[in-house]
Protein backbone atom coordinates (compact mmCIF):
# COMPACT_ATOMS: atom_id res chain seq x y z
CA UNK A 1 75.17 119.48 258.18
CA UNK A 2 77.32 116.76 256.62
CA UNK A 3 77.95 117.01 252.86
CA UNK A 4 76.07 114.39 250.90
CA UNK A 5 75.90 113.24 247.29
CA UNK A 6 72.96 114.18 245.15
CA UNK A 7 72.85 113.25 241.49
CA UNK A 8 69.84 115.25 240.33
CA UNK A 9 69.42 115.26 236.59
CA UNK A 10 69.74 118.31 234.43
CA UNK A 11 69.77 118.93 230.71
CA UNK A 12 72.87 117.16 229.33
CA UNK A 13 75.22 118.34 226.61
CA UNK A 14 74.42 115.77 223.94
CA UNK A 15 77.09 116.08 221.29
CA UNK A 16 78.21 114.00 218.30
CA UNK A 17 80.30 111.02 219.22
CA UNK A 18 78.81 110.37 222.65
CA UNK A 19 78.09 106.87 223.76
CA UNK A 20 74.92 105.97 225.63
CA UNK A 21 76.95 105.48 228.81
CA UNK A 22 78.51 108.92 228.59
CA UNK A 23 75.18 110.61 227.78
CA UNK A 24 73.62 109.00 230.84
CA UNK A 25 76.46 109.99 233.13
CA UNK A 26 76.79 113.53 231.78
CA UNK A 27 73.06 114.08 232.30
CA UNK A 28 73.60 113.68 236.05
CA UNK A 29 76.43 116.19 236.33
CA UNK A 30 75.64 119.32 238.29
CA UNK A 31 77.39 122.14 240.13
CA UNK A 32 80.13 122.41 237.53
CA UNK A 33 80.49 124.17 234.20
CA UNK A 34 80.60 122.76 230.70
CA UNK A 35 83.35 124.14 228.44
CA UNK A 36 83.49 123.65 224.70
CA UNK A 37 86.60 122.08 223.24
CA UNK A 38 87.18 125.26 221.24
CA UNK A 39 87.33 127.41 224.39
CA UNK A 40 89.81 125.09 226.06
CA UNK A 41 91.94 124.94 222.93
CA UNK A 42 92.13 128.74 222.93
CA UNK A 43 92.88 128.79 226.68
CA UNK A 44 95.91 126.53 226.20
CA UNK A 45 97.11 128.08 222.92
CA UNK A 46 96.12 124.96 221.04
CA UNK A 47 97.44 122.70 223.82
CA UNK A 48 100.96 123.91 223.19
CA UNK A 49 103.98 122.10 224.60
CA UNK A 50 104.94 125.30 226.42
CA UNK A 51 101.75 125.00 228.47
CA UNK A 52 102.10 121.31 229.29
CA UNK A 53 102.69 120.90 233.03
CA UNK A 54 102.27 117.15 233.43
CA UNK A 55 101.90 113.84 231.62
CA UNK A 56 100.87 110.35 232.69
CA UNK A 57 99.05 107.15 231.87
CA UNK A 58 95.69 108.76 231.10
CA UNK A 59 96.87 111.83 229.18
CA UNK A 60 98.33 115.29 229.73
CA UNK A 61 97.76 118.36 231.90
CA UNK A 62 98.03 121.90 230.54
CA UNK A 63 98.11 125.36 232.03
CA UNK A 64 95.36 127.52 230.55
CA UNK A 65 93.87 131.00 230.83
CA UNK A 66 90.10 131.34 230.39
CA UNK A 67 88.50 134.36 228.72
CA UNK A 68 87.81 135.99 232.09
CA UNK A 69 91.53 135.77 232.97
CA UNK A 70 91.22 132.80 235.34
CA UNK A 71 94.25 130.51 235.24
CA UNK A 72 93.31 126.83 235.27
CA UNK A 73 94.81 123.36 234.96
CA UNK A 74 93.28 121.37 232.10
CA UNK A 75 93.51 117.57 232.21
CA UNK A 76 93.05 116.00 228.77
CA UNK A 77 92.41 112.28 228.66
CA UNK A 78 94.20 110.37 225.94
CA UNK A 79 91.94 108.96 223.21
CA UNK A 80 93.97 105.73 223.40
CA UNK A 81 93.29 105.24 227.10
CA UNK A 82 90.98 102.28 227.67
CA UNK A 83 90.46 103.15 231.33
CA UNK A 84 89.98 106.87 230.89
CA UNK A 85 86.20 107.14 230.43
CA UNK A 86 85.31 105.41 233.69
CA UNK A 87 87.81 107.38 235.78
CA UNK A 88 86.80 110.61 234.04
CA UNK A 89 83.11 110.19 234.83
CA UNK A 90 83.85 108.95 238.33
CA UNK A 91 86.00 111.96 239.12
CA UNK A 92 83.32 114.42 238.01
CA UNK A 93 80.58 112.71 240.01
CA UNK A 94 82.67 112.48 243.17
CA UNK A 95 84.30 115.88 243.48
CA UNK A 96 81.50 118.11 242.18
CA UNK A 97 79.49 117.10 245.24
CA UNK A 98 82.14 118.00 247.84
CA UNK A 99 84.24 120.99 248.77
CA UNK A 100 87.05 121.36 251.31
CA UNK A 101 90.08 123.64 251.60
CA UNK A 102 92.39 120.62 251.28
CA UNK A 103 90.75 119.15 248.15
CA UNK A 104 91.42 120.37 244.62
CA UNK A 105 88.41 122.16 243.18
CA UNK A 106 86.93 121.01 239.87
CA UNK A 107 85.81 124.04 237.85
CA UNK A 108 84.38 122.39 234.78
CA UNK A 109 84.58 119.70 232.12
CA UNK A 110 84.32 119.03 228.40
CA UNK A 111 82.69 116.01 226.78
CA UNK A 112 82.66 116.66 223.05
CA UNK A 113 83.04 113.94 220.46
CA UNK A 114 86.02 111.88 221.61
CA UNK A 115 87.32 114.66 223.85
CA UNK A 116 87.11 114.18 227.62
CA UNK A 117 88.64 117.03 229.59
CA UNK A 118 88.56 118.19 233.22
CA UNK A 119 89.21 121.80 234.26
CA UNK A 120 90.66 122.39 237.73
CA UNK A 121 91.75 125.33 239.80
CA UNK A 122 95.39 126.08 239.04
CA UNK A 123 97.87 125.49 241.85
CA UNK A 124 101.12 127.37 241.41
CA UNK A 125 103.56 125.01 243.10
CA UNK A 126 102.62 121.73 241.44
CA UNK A 127 102.96 118.52 243.49
CA UNK A 128 104.97 117.24 246.43
CA UNK A 129 106.55 114.71 244.10
CA UNK A 130 107.98 117.41 241.86
CA UNK A 131 109.01 119.81 244.62
CA UNK A 132 109.91 118.19 247.94
CA UNK A 133 110.77 114.79 246.43
CA UNK A 134 112.09 116.04 243.11
CA UNK A 135 115.61 114.77 243.64
CA UNK A 136 117.17 118.22 243.61
CA UNK A 137 115.36 119.30 240.44
CA UNK A 138 113.35 121.87 242.40
CA UNK A 139 114.93 124.80 244.24
CA UNK A 140 111.96 125.09 246.59
CA UNK A 141 112.76 124.80 250.29
CA UNK A 142 110.43 123.20 252.82
CA UNK A 143 110.96 124.24 256.43
CA UNK A 144 110.04 121.85 259.21
CA UNK A 145 107.02 123.98 260.11
CA UNK A 146 105.80 123.92 256.52
CA UNK A 147 106.14 120.13 256.39
CA UNK A 148 104.05 119.88 259.55
CA UNK A 149 101.37 122.08 257.95
CA UNK A 150 101.33 119.91 254.82
CA UNK A 151 100.93 116.70 256.83
CA UNK A 152 98.11 118.24 258.85
CA UNK A 153 96.36 119.63 255.77
CA UNK A 154 96.37 116.26 253.98
CA UNK A 155 95.16 114.56 257.17
CA UNK A 156 92.27 117.02 257.47
CA UNK A 157 91.32 116.45 253.83
CA UNK A 158 91.25 112.68 254.33
CA UNK A 159 89.29 113.03 257.58
CA UNK A 160 86.69 114.98 255.62
CA UNK A 161 86.47 112.25 252.97
CA UNK A 162 86.45 109.33 255.42
CA UNK A 163 84.25 110.64 258.19
CA UNK A 164 82.30 113.78 257.23
CA UNK A 165 81.08 113.16 253.69
CA UNK A 166 78.05 110.87 253.31
CA UNK A 167 78.50 108.30 251.92
CA UNK A 168 82.17 108.22 252.90
CA UNK A 169 84.86 108.29 250.23
CA UNK A 170 88.00 106.16 249.92
CA UNK A 171 90.46 107.91 247.61
CA UNK A 172 92.59 104.83 246.76
CA UNK A 173 95.54 106.74 245.31
CA UNK A 174 97.04 108.95 248.01
CA UNK A 175 100.64 109.67 246.99
CA UNK A 176 103.07 112.56 246.61
CA UNK A 177 102.12 113.30 242.98
CA UNK A 178 98.45 113.67 244.00
CA UNK A 179 99.18 116.26 246.70
CA UNK A 180 99.23 119.66 245.02
CA UNK A 181 100.47 122.91 246.55
CA UNK A 182 99.10 126.43 246.18
CA UNK A 183 101.17 129.62 246.29
CA UNK A 184 101.43 129.36 250.07
CA UNK A 185 102.36 125.66 249.92
CA UNK A 186 98.98 124.65 251.32
CA UNK A 187 98.23 121.05 250.28
CA UNK A 188 95.24 119.90 248.26
CA UNK A 189 94.37 116.29 247.47
CA UNK A 190 93.79 115.66 243.76
CA UNK A 191 92.75 112.83 241.41
CA UNK A 192 89.48 111.22 242.39
CA UNK A 193 89.33 108.98 239.33
CA UNK A 194 89.81 105.83 241.42
CA UNK A 195 87.73 106.97 244.42
CA UNK A 196 85.01 104.76 245.85
CA UNK A 197 81.87 105.69 247.77
CA UNK A 198 81.80 103.72 251.00
CA UNK A 199 78.47 103.22 252.86
CA UNK A 200 78.43 103.15 256.67
CA UNK A 201 77.20 99.56 256.91
CA UNK A 202 80.14 98.08 255.01
CA UNK A 203 83.28 96.79 256.73
CA UNK A 204 85.19 96.50 253.46
CA UNK A 205 84.86 96.11 249.71
CA UNK A 206 86.58 93.34 247.78
CA UNK A 207 87.73 94.86 244.50
CA UNK A 208 90.40 94.66 241.86
CA UNK A 209 93.51 96.50 242.94
CA UNK A 210 94.04 100.07 241.73
CA UNK A 211 96.67 102.46 242.96
CA UNK A 212 100.41 103.02 242.94
CA UNK A 213 103.21 100.66 243.94
CA UNK A 214 104.91 101.71 247.14
CA UNK A 215 101.74 103.18 248.62
CA UNK A 216 99.47 100.12 248.55
CA UNK A 217 98.30 98.62 251.82
CA UNK A 218 99.15 94.88 252.05
CA UNK A 219 95.57 93.65 252.54
CA UNK A 220 94.59 95.58 249.42
CA UNK A 221 97.59 94.68 247.26
CA UNK A 222 97.37 90.97 248.09
CA UNK A 223 93.65 90.30 248.63
CA UNK A 224 91.84 93.31 247.16
CA UNK A 225 90.21 94.22 250.51
CA UNK A 226 89.52 97.93 250.63
CA UNK A 227 88.18 100.42 253.17
CA UNK A 228 89.40 103.69 254.71
CA UNK A 229 92.42 101.90 256.19
CA UNK A 230 93.85 101.64 252.66
CA UNK A 231 94.12 105.43 252.45
CA UNK A 232 95.53 105.59 255.98
CA UNK A 233 98.37 103.25 255.00
CA UNK A 234 99.13 105.40 251.95
CA UNK A 235 99.04 108.53 254.10
CA UNK A 236 101.54 106.92 256.48
CA UNK A 237 103.96 106.33 253.61
CA UNK A 238 103.45 109.92 252.48
CA UNK A 239 104.21 111.23 255.98
CA UNK A 240 107.46 109.27 256.07
CA UNK A 241 108.41 110.78 252.71
CA UNK A 242 107.64 114.33 253.88
CA UNK A 243 109.69 114.01 257.08
CA UNK A 244 112.64 112.21 255.45
CA UNK A 245 112.59 114.13 252.16
CA UNK A 246 113.02 110.95 250.11
CA UNK A 247 110.78 108.77 247.95
CA UNK A 248 109.29 105.56 249.32
CA UNK A 249 111.31 103.47 246.86
CA UNK A 250 114.75 104.10 245.39
CA UNK A 251 116.21 101.12 243.53
CA UNK A 252 119.52 102.92 243.07
CA UNK A 253 120.26 102.46 246.77
CA UNK A 254 121.66 99.28 248.38
CA UNK A 255 118.96 96.64 249.06
CA UNK A 256 118.86 97.39 252.80
CA UNK A 257 118.06 101.09 252.12
CA UNK A 258 115.90 100.70 249.04
CA UNK A 259 112.49 100.81 250.73
CA UNK A 260 111.86 103.78 252.99
CA UNK A 261 109.33 102.04 255.25
CA UNK A 262 111.64 99.09 255.88
CA UNK A 263 114.53 101.40 256.67
CA UNK A 264 112.51 103.53 259.10
CA UNK A 265 111.09 100.45 260.83
CA UNK A 266 114.61 99.10 261.48
CA UNK A 267 115.68 102.46 262.88
CA UNK A 268 112.58 102.55 265.09
CA UNK A 269 113.50 99.16 266.53
CA UNK A 270 117.04 100.46 267.14
CA UNK A 271 115.78 103.67 268.75
CA UNK A 272 117.41 105.80 266.04
CA UNK A 273 114.42 107.32 264.23
CA UNK A 274 115.82 110.83 264.42
CA UNK A 275 118.50 109.92 261.85
CA UNK A 276 115.79 109.71 259.14
CA UNK A 277 114.82 113.38 259.34
CA UNK A 278 115.72 115.17 256.10
CA UNK A 279 119.34 116.29 256.41
CA UNK A 280 118.57 119.46 254.40
CA UNK A 281 116.81 120.80 257.50
CA UNK A 282 120.09 120.86 259.43
CA UNK A 283 119.19 121.38 263.07
CA UNK A 284 116.22 123.61 262.26
CA UNK A 285 113.48 121.28 263.50
CA UNK A 286 111.92 120.02 266.71
CA UNK A 287 113.51 116.61 267.34
CA UNK A 288 110.70 115.32 269.56
CA UNK A 289 108.02 116.44 267.12
CA UNK A 290 109.88 114.96 264.15
CA UNK A 291 110.27 111.63 265.92
CA UNK A 292 106.56 111.64 266.74
CA UNK A 293 105.70 112.33 263.10
CA UNK A 294 107.74 109.33 262.01
CA UNK A 295 106.01 107.21 264.65
CA UNK A 296 102.61 108.38 263.38
CA UNK A 297 103.68 107.30 259.89
CA UNK A 298 104.56 103.87 261.27
CA UNK A 299 101.25 103.65 263.16
CA UNK A 300 99.41 104.31 259.90
CA UNK A 301 101.34 101.57 258.06
CA UNK A 302 100.90 98.74 260.56
CA UNK A 303 100.32 95.39 258.86
CA UNK A 304 97.00 94.75 260.64
CA UNK A 305 94.46 97.29 259.34
CA UNK A 306 92.45 97.49 262.56
CA UNK A 307 95.54 98.71 264.40
CA UNK A 308 95.92 101.77 262.17
CA UNK A 309 94.41 104.94 263.67
CA UNK A 310 91.50 106.74 262.03
CA UNK A 311 92.32 109.95 260.18
CA UNK A 312 90.57 112.06 262.81
CA UNK A 313 92.81 110.46 265.45
CA UNK A 314 95.83 111.20 263.25
CA UNK A 315 94.79 114.86 263.15
CA UNK A 316 94.62 114.92 266.95
CA UNK A 317 98.04 113.31 267.22
CA UNK A 318 99.51 115.83 264.79
CA UNK A 319 98.07 118.74 266.77
CA UNK A 320 99.08 117.30 270.14
CA UNK A 321 95.51 116.73 271.35
CA UNK A 322 96.21 112.99 271.63
CA UNK A 323 99.54 111.46 272.63
CA UNK A 324 101.30 109.29 270.07
CA UNK A 325 100.92 105.59 270.85
CA UNK A 326 104.33 104.10 271.53
CA UNK A 327 103.10 100.53 270.90
CA UNK A 328 103.70 100.14 267.18
CA UNK A 329 103.42 96.77 265.52
CA UNK A 330 105.30 95.60 262.45
CA UNK A 331 104.35 97.43 259.22
CA UNK A 332 103.28 95.83 255.97
CA UNK A 333 106.55 96.13 254.07
CA UNK A 334 106.23 97.00 250.36
CA UNK A 335 108.84 94.58 249.01
CA UNK A 336 106.69 91.71 250.28
CA UNK A 337 104.01 92.41 247.71
CA UNK A 338 105.75 94.34 244.93
CA UNK A 339 105.33 93.06 241.40
CA UNK A 340 101.54 92.91 241.10
CA UNK A 341 101.03 96.58 240.33
CA UNK A 342 103.46 99.02 238.83
CA UNK A 343 103.30 102.72 238.21
CA UNK A 344 104.33 104.81 235.27
CA UNK A 345 105.55 108.36 235.52
CA UNK A 346 102.58 110.23 236.95
CA UNK A 347 101.86 113.91 236.81
CA UNK A 348 100.02 116.19 239.13
CA UNK A 349 96.28 116.72 238.74
CA UNK A 350 95.76 112.99 238.94
CA UNK A 351 97.01 111.35 235.79
CA UNK A 352 97.18 107.76 237.03
CA UNK A 353 98.30 104.63 235.24
CA UNK A 354 96.28 102.23 237.36
CA UNK A 355 93.18 100.23 236.51
CA UNK A 356 89.97 99.85 238.45
CA UNK A 357 87.68 96.87 238.48
CA UNK A 358 84.26 96.45 236.92
CA UNK A 359 82.46 95.21 240.01
CA UNK A 360 83.01 94.97 243.72
CA UNK A 361 82.05 92.66 246.54
CA UNK A 362 80.84 94.64 249.52
CA UNK A 363 80.97 93.10 252.98
CA UNK A 364 78.66 94.31 255.71
CA UNK A 365 79.70 94.75 259.32
CA UNK A 366 78.11 91.42 260.13
CA UNK A 367 80.42 89.70 257.69
CA UNK A 368 77.95 88.66 254.99
CA UNK A 369 78.99 89.32 251.41
CA UNK A 370 76.94 90.46 248.48
CA UNK A 371 78.17 90.78 244.93
CA UNK A 372 76.97 94.05 243.50
CA UNK A 373 77.93 96.84 241.16
CA UNK A 374 79.41 99.71 243.13
CA UNK A 375 78.97 103.40 242.15
CA UNK A 376 81.73 104.60 239.87
């Protein structure tokens, strides 16, 4: 049976300082545990700097140990954040209703006075951004086989969100800092604060842009059109980063090398894709497989959304069940629409600096448009 969302009401934790909006949303939360602020303060040793493992636009993330000995990651939203409440409530409602081995598990939450905190499972090896793409700051080594497993794991997680959950979910912020790694380097998608529920009868949603520069699909960055293809574009960029071992944008490089997607596309046209495989691997990788992975990344980033493969097809290409299409059209290159949305330093566990809109225009498959408030 496909997972589905059910927002059955239960007795809420009405506490001083709540707003009516928060009380209403909290009353619908189920399948996750409420923690008092006092317990989380004890778990993090009064939110000590020594336990801080990440910081970003919406607040900070701390390592904590609960009374039963469970180690957790505790995301504390900043009181100054104007966007935090919406993303906080959205994240609880989305991920408490789903479970998958490649999605980060939400353990609990705290809504007490002005405090808004999320409690996640703790993942020992932080994010891909801080390890694989950390610019030499991490000593962790990623073999070619492990990179393949990470790509496949993320693809399976997105397939679950896009095709198995009802209604479907568009994550909207797939990027290296939102891919966390457990002790075995198994990937888990995090940060559902910007996620959107996506009914079957909709071809796309027109919405204000939210996400991270360098990962935004062109139709979304320029026109605010959003569906599953937005995540697929972002996943394609992520795949190129994993194979090459470098970030999607590096302004310290010469202009012709600054944007990873542009560089890889030029090498594809020249028949020299293999030169973009991370040099730290030496010769310890399958050249044909690595070239195919780069081609899959390019297929996912094609400028025309309809030409991008579905995530389930991507999974089949990664596992060799389906051959990789050699007909790849021009990608939507990031420098063509940079400037509209920027990103601050993001941490793992989904501290994002982006903003979401207040309402969305949903378009049905027949093409008619209806202005309506979309679930947050």
